[in-house]
Amino acid sequence: GDSDIISIAGIESYLSQCTTLGDA
């Protein structure tokens, strides 16, 4: 839980949970 390094993979993991955005 204490690993919080900014990364595209990390951002994607949360963006994928956003209901307003589609995969594209």
PDB file of all heavy atoms in Angstrom:
ATOM      1  N   GLY A   1       0.780  -1.228   0.000  1.00  0.00           N
ATOM      2  CA  GLY A   1       0.000   0.000   0.000  1.00  0.00           C
ATOM      3  C   GLY A   1       0.807   1.271   0.000  1.00  0.00           C
ATOM      4  O   GLY A   1       0.334   2.320  -0.444  1.00  0.00           O
ATOM      5  N   ASP A   2       2.051   1.222   0.500  1.00  0.00           N
ATOM      6  CA  ASP A   2       2.855   2.442   0.568  1.00  0.00           C
ATOM      7  C   ASP A   2       3.613   2.716  -0.731  1.00  0.00           C
ATOM      8  O   ASP A   2       4.358   3.683  -0.818  1.00  0.00           O
ATOM      9  CB  ASP A   2       3.835   2.382   1.740  1.00  0.00           C
ATOM     10  CG  ASP A   2       4.818   1.214   1.644  1.00  0.00           C
ATOM     11  OD1 ASP A   2       4.641   0.369   0.728  1.00  0.00           O
ATOM     12  OD2 ASP A   2       5.740   1.148   2.465  1.00  0.00           O
ATOM     13  N   SER A   3       3.434   1.874  -1.744  1.00  0.00           N
ATOM     14  CA  SER A   3       4.054   2.118  -3.048  1.00  0.00           C
ATOM     15  C   SER A   3       3.133   3.023  -3.855  1.00  0.00           C
ATOM     16  O   SER A   3       2.039   2.620  -4.237  1.00  0.00           O
ATOM     17  CB  SER A   3       4.278   0.802  -3.804  1.00  0.00           C
ATOM     18  OG  SER A   3       5.358   0.090  -3.259  1.00  0.00           O
ATOM     19  N   ASP A   4       3.572   4.246  -4.087  1.00  0.00           N
ATOM     20  CA  ASP A   4       2.727   5.206  -4.801  1.00  0.00           C
ATOM     21  C   ASP A   4       3.602   6.069  -5.703  1.00  0.00           C
ATOM     22  O   ASP A   4       3.694   7.274  -5.533  1.00  0.00           O
ATOM     23  CB  ASP A   4       1.953   6.069  -3.809  1.00  0.00           C
ATOM     24  CG  ASP A   4       0.896   6.928  -4.498  1.00  0.00           C
ATOM     25  OD1 ASP A   4       0.398   6.517  -5.562  1.00  0.00           O
ATOM     26  OD2 ASP A   4       0.595   8.012  -3.980  1.00  0.00           O
ATOM     27  N   ILE A   5       4.255   5.427  -6.643  1.00  0.00           N
ATOM     28  CA  ILE A   5       5.109   6.117  -7.599  1.00  0.00           C
ATOM     29  C   ILE A   5       4.285   6.434  -8.831  1.00  0.00           C
ATOM     30  O   ILE A   5       3.592   5.559  -9.369  1.00  0.00           O
ATOM     31  CB  ILE A   5       6.325   5.249  -7.974  1.00  0.00           C
ATOM     32  CG1 ILE A   5       7.154   4.948  -6.710  1.00  0.00           C
ATOM     33  CG2 ILE A   5       7.188   5.944  -9.025  1.00  0.00           C
ATOM     34  CD1 ILE A   5       8.265   3.938  -6.944  1.00  0.00           C
ATOM     35  N   ILE A   6       4.327   7.669  -9.284  1.00  0.00           N
ATOM     36  CA  ILE A   6       3.544   8.068 -10.450  1.00  0.00           C
ATOM     37  C   ILE A   6       3.984   7.261 -11.666  1.00  0.00           C
ATOM     38  O   ILE A   6       5.162   7.205 -11.998  1.00  0.00           O
ATOM     39  CB  ILE A   6       3.699   9.572 -10.732  1.00  0.00           C
ATOM     40  CG1 ILE A   6       3.142  10.394  -9.567  1.00  0.00           C
ATOM     41  CG2 ILE A   6       2.971   9.946 -12.025  1.00  0.00           C
ATOM     42  CD1 ILE A   6       3.426  11.888  -9.683  1.00  0.00           C
ATOM     43  N   SER A   7       3.018   6.632 -12.324  1.00  0.00           N
ATOM     44  CA  SER A   7       3.315   5.836 -13.514  1.00  0.00           C
ATOM     45  C   SER A   7       2.077   5.780 -14.391  1.00  0.00           C
ATOM     46  O   SER A   7       0.946   5.951 -13.907  1.00  0.00           O
ATOM     47  CB  SER A   7       3.725   4.406 -13.129  1.00  0.00           C
ATOM     48  OG  SER A   7       2.620   3.705 -12.569  1.00  0.00           O
ATOM     49  N   ILE A   8       2.271   5.536 -15.682  1.00  0.00           N
ATOM     50  CA  ILE A   8       1.138   5.409 -16.593  1.00  0.00           C
ATOM     51  C   ILE A   8       0.279   4.208 -16.190  1.00  0.00           C
ATOM     52  O   ILE A   8      -0.956   4.265 -16.225  1.00  0.00           O
ATOM     53  CB  ILE A   8       1.623   5.293 -18.044  1.00  0.00           C
ATOM     54  CG1 ILE A   8       2.230   6.638 -18.482  1.00  0.00           C
ATOM     55  CG2 ILE A   8       0.482   4.902 -18.981  1.00  0.00           C
ATOM     56  CD1 ILE A   8       2.797   6.641 -19.875  1.00  0.00           C
ATOM     57  N   ALA A   9       0.933   3.105 -15.790  1.00  0.00           N
ATOM     58  CA  ALA A   9       0.184   1.922 -15.372  1.00  0.00           C
ATOM     59  C   ALA A   9      -0.666   2.221 -14.137  1.00  0.00           C
ATOM     60  O   ALA A   9      -1.812   1.773 -14.029  1.00  0.00           O
ATOM     61  CB  ALA A   9       1.139   0.775 -15.090  1.00  0.00           C
ATOM     62  N   GLY A  10      -0.106   2.964 -13.198  1.00  0.00           N
ATOM     63  CA  GLY A  10      -0.853   3.328 -11.999  1.00  0.00           C
ATOM     64  C   GLY A  10      -2.029   4.225 -12.309  1.00  0.00           C
ATOM     65  O   GLY A  10      -3.134   4.053 -11.770  1.00  0.00           O
ATOM     66  N   ILE A  11      -1.812   5.211 -13.185  1.00  0.00           N
ATOM     67  CA  ILE A  11      -2.898   6.106 -13.589  1.00  0.00           C
ATOM     68  C   ILE A  11      -3.991   5.318 -14.297  1.00  0.00           C
ATOM     69  O   ILE A  11      -5.177   5.505 -14.050  1.00  0.00           O
ATOM     70  CB  ILE A  11      -2.349   7.228 -14.496  1.00  0.00           C
ATOM     71  CG1 ILE A  11      -1.382   8.123 -13.707  1.00  0.00           C
ATOM     72  CG2 ILE A  11      -3.499   8.060 -15.068  1.00  0.00           C
ATOM     73  CD1 ILE A  11      -0.576   9.074 -14.568  1.00  0.00           C
ATOM     74  N   GLU A  12      -3.583   4.398 -15.184  1.00  0.00           N
ATOM     75  CA  GLU A  12      -4.561   3.604 -15.929  1.00  0.00           C
ATOM     76  C   GLU A  12      -5.423   2.760 -14.997  1.00  0.00           C
ATOM     77  O   GLU A  12      -6.623   2.593 -15.224  1.00  0.00           O
ATOM     78  CB  GLU A  12      -3.865   2.701 -16.936  1.00  0.00           C
ATOM     79  CG  GLU A  12      -4.840   1.859 -17.749  1.00  0.00           C
ATOM     80  CD  GLU A  12      -4.167   0.956 -18.757  1.00  0.00           C
ATOM     81  OE1 GLU A  12      -2.929   0.848 -18.732  1.00  0.00           O
ATOM     82  OE2 GLU A  12      -4.890   0.357 -19.570  1.00  0.00           O
ATOM     83  N   SER A  13      -4.814   2.217 -13.951  1.00  0.00           N
ATOM     84  CA  SER A  13      -5.574   1.341 -13.056  1.00  0.00           C
ATOM     85  C   SER A  13      -6.738   2.081 -12.412  1.00  0.00           C
ATOM     86  O   SER A  13      -7.787   1.489 -12.139  1.00  0.00           O
ATOM     87  CB  SER A  13      -4.652   0.760 -11.969  1.00  0.00           C
ATOM     88  OG  SER A  13      -4.241   1.760 -11.058  1.00  0.00           O
ATOM     89  N   TYR A  14      -6.589   3.379 -12.178  1.00  0.00           N
ATOM     90  CA  TYR A  14      -7.683   4.164 -11.608  1.00  0.00           C
ATOM     91  C   TYR A  14      -8.597   4.741 -12.682  1.00  0.00           C
ATOM     92  O   TYR A  14      -9.814   4.830 -12.484  1.00  0.00           O
ATOM     93  CB  TYR A  14      -7.121   5.283 -10.726  1.00  0.00           C
ATOM     94  CG  TYR A  14      -6.533   4.775  -9.436  1.00  0.00           C
ATOM     95  CD1 TYR A  14      -5.160   4.666  -9.266  1.00  0.00           C
ATOM     96  CD2 TYR A  14      -7.352   4.367  -8.379  1.00  0.00           C
ATOM     97  CE1 TYR A  14      -4.609   4.164  -8.090  1.00  0.00           C
ATOM     98  CE2 TYR A  14      -6.820   3.877  -7.201  1.00  0.00           C
ATOM     99  CZ  TYR A  14      -5.446   3.782  -7.061  1.00  0.00           C
ATOM    100  OH  TYR A  14      -4.914   3.289  -5.899  1.00  0.00           O
ATOM    101  N   LEU A  15      -8.027   5.120 -13.837  1.00  0.00           N
ATOM    102  CA  LEU A  15      -8.867   5.616 -14.922  1.00  0.00           C
ATOM    103  C   LEU A  15      -9.858   4.548 -15.370  1.00  0.00           C
ATOM    104  O   LEU A  15     -10.994   4.851 -15.745  1.00  0.00           O
ATOM    105  CB  LEU A  15      -8.002   6.032 -16.119  1.00  0.00           C
ATOM    106  CG  LEU A  15      -7.502   7.474 -16.169  1.00  0.00           C
ATOM    107  CD1 LEU A  15      -6.633   7.686 -17.398  1.00  0.00           C
ATOM    108  CD2 LEU A  15      -8.659   8.468 -16.162  1.00  0.00           C
ATOM    109  N   SER A  16      -9.414   3.287 -15.331  1.00  0.00           N
ATOM    110  CA  SER A  16     -10.284   2.198 -15.777  1.00  0.00           C
ATOM    111  C   SER A  16     -11.486   2.011 -14.860  1.00  0.00           C
ATOM    112  O   SER A  16     -12.466   1.360 -15.229  1.00  0.00           O
ATOM    113  CB  SER A  16      -9.498   0.882 -15.856  1.00  0.00           C
ATOM    114  OG  SER A  16      -9.040   0.486 -14.569  1.00  0.00           O
ATOM    115  N   GLN A  17     -11.419   2.603 -13.661  1.00  0.00           N
ATOM    116  CA  GLN A  17     -12.541   2.517 -12.730  1.00  0.00           C
ATOM    117  C   GLN A  17     -13.498   3.699 -12.865  1.00  0.00           C
ATOM    118  O   GLN A  17     -14.536   3.738 -12.201  1.00  0.00           O
ATOM    119  CB  GLN A  17     -12.011   2.448 -11.295  1.00  0.00           C
ATOM    120  CG  GLN A  17     -11.118   1.245 -11.031  1.00  0.00           C
ATOM    121  CD  GLN A  17     -10.434   1.313  -9.676  1.00  0.00           C
ATOM    122  OE1 GLN A  17     -10.940   1.904  -8.738  1.00  0.00           O
ATOM    123  NE2 GLN A  17      -9.271   0.697  -9.573  1.00  0.00           N
ATOM    124  N   CYS A  18     -13.137   4.672 -13.705  1.00  0.00           N
ATOM    125  CA  CYS A  18     -13.982   5.855 -13.900  1.00  0.00           C
ATOM    126  C   CYS A  18     -15.129   5.514 -14.854  1.00  0.00           C
ATOM    127  O   CYS A  18     -14.902   5.026 -15.955  1.00  0.00           O
ATOM    128  CB  CYS A  18     -13.164   7.008 -14.471  1.00  0.00           C
ATOM    129  SG  CYS A  18     -11.873   7.613 -13.353  1.00  0.00           S
ATOM    130  N   THR A  19     -16.337   5.796 -14.434  1.00  0.00           N
ATOM    131  CA  THR A  19     -17.500   5.397 -15.231  1.00  0.00           C
ATOM    132  C   THR A  19     -17.745   6.333 -16.409  1.00  0.00           C
ATOM    133  O   THR A  19     -18.470   5.966 -17.335  1.00  0.00           O
ATOM    134  CB  THR A  19     -18.759   5.373 -14.345  1.00  0.00           C
ATOM    135  OG1 THR A  19     -18.947   6.670 -13.752  1.00  0.00           O
ATOM    136  CG2 THR A  19     -18.636   4.339 -13.259  1.00  0.00           C
ATOM    137  N   THR A  20     -17.165   7.529 -16.422  1.00  0.00           N
ATOM    138  CA  THR A  20     -17.476   8.493 -17.485  1.00  0.00           C
ATOM    139  C   THR A  20     -16.606   8.305 -18.720  1.00  0.00           C
ATOM    140  O   THR A  20     -16.837   8.934 -19.742  1.00  0.00           O
ATOM    141  CB  THR A  20     -17.289   9.936 -16.965  1.00  0.00           C
ATOM    142  OG1 THR A  20     -15.942  10.121 -16.517  1.00  0.00           O
ATOM    143  CG2 THR A  20     -18.241  10.224 -15.820  1.00  0.00           C
ATOM    144  N   LEU A  21     -15.582   7.447 -18.633  1.00  0.00           N
ATOM    145  CA  LEU A  21     -14.665   7.272 -19.751  1.00  0.00           C
ATOM    146  C   LEU A  21     -14.741   5.847 -20.294  1.00  0.00           C
ATOM    147  O   LEU A  21     -14.737   4.882 -19.540  1.00  0.00           O
ATOM    148  CB  LEU A  21     -13.229   7.575 -19.328  1.00  0.00           C
ATOM    149  CG  LEU A  21     -12.937   9.001 -18.877  1.00  0.00           C
ATOM    150  CD1 LEU A  21     -11.508   9.107 -18.367  1.00  0.00           C
ATOM    151  CD2 LEU A  21     -13.163   9.990 -20.005  1.00  0.00           C
ATOM    152  N   GLY A  22     -14.759   5.727 -21.618  1.00  0.00           N
ATOM    153  CA  GLY A  22     -14.705   4.419 -22.253  1.00  0.00           C
ATOM    154  C   GLY A  22     -13.272   3.998 -22.507  1.00  0.00           C
ATOM    155  O   GLY A  22     -12.331   4.766 -22.293  1.00  0.00           O
ATOM    156  N   ASP A  23     -13.087   2.768 -22.962  1.00  0.00           N
ATOM    157  CA  ASP A  23     -11.743   2.238 -23.212  1.00  0.00           C
ATOM    158  C   ASP A  23     -10.982   3.091 -24.224  1.00  0.00           C
ATOM    159  O   ASP A  23      -9.783   3.337 -24.060  1.00  0.00           O
ATOM    160  CB  ASP A  23     -11.826   0.795 -23.717  1.00  0.00           C
ATOM    161  CG  ASP A  23     -12.283  -0.171 -22.629  1.00  0.00           C
ATOM    162  OD1 ASP A  23     -12.223   0.207 -21.443  1.00  0.00           O
ATOM    163  OD2 ASP A  23     -12.696  -1.295 -22.977  1.00  0.00           O
ATOM    164  N   ALA A  24     -11.672   3.527 -25.288  1.00  0.00           N
ATOM    165  CA  ALA A  24     -11.004   4.344 -26.317  1.00  0.00           C
ATOM    166  C   ALA A  24     -10.553   5.680 -25.738  1.00  0.00           C
ATOM    167  O   ALA A  24      -9.456   6.163 -26.057  1.00  0.00           O
ATOM    168  CB  ALA A  24     -11.943   4.564 -27.506  1.00  0.00           C
TER     169      ALA A  24
END
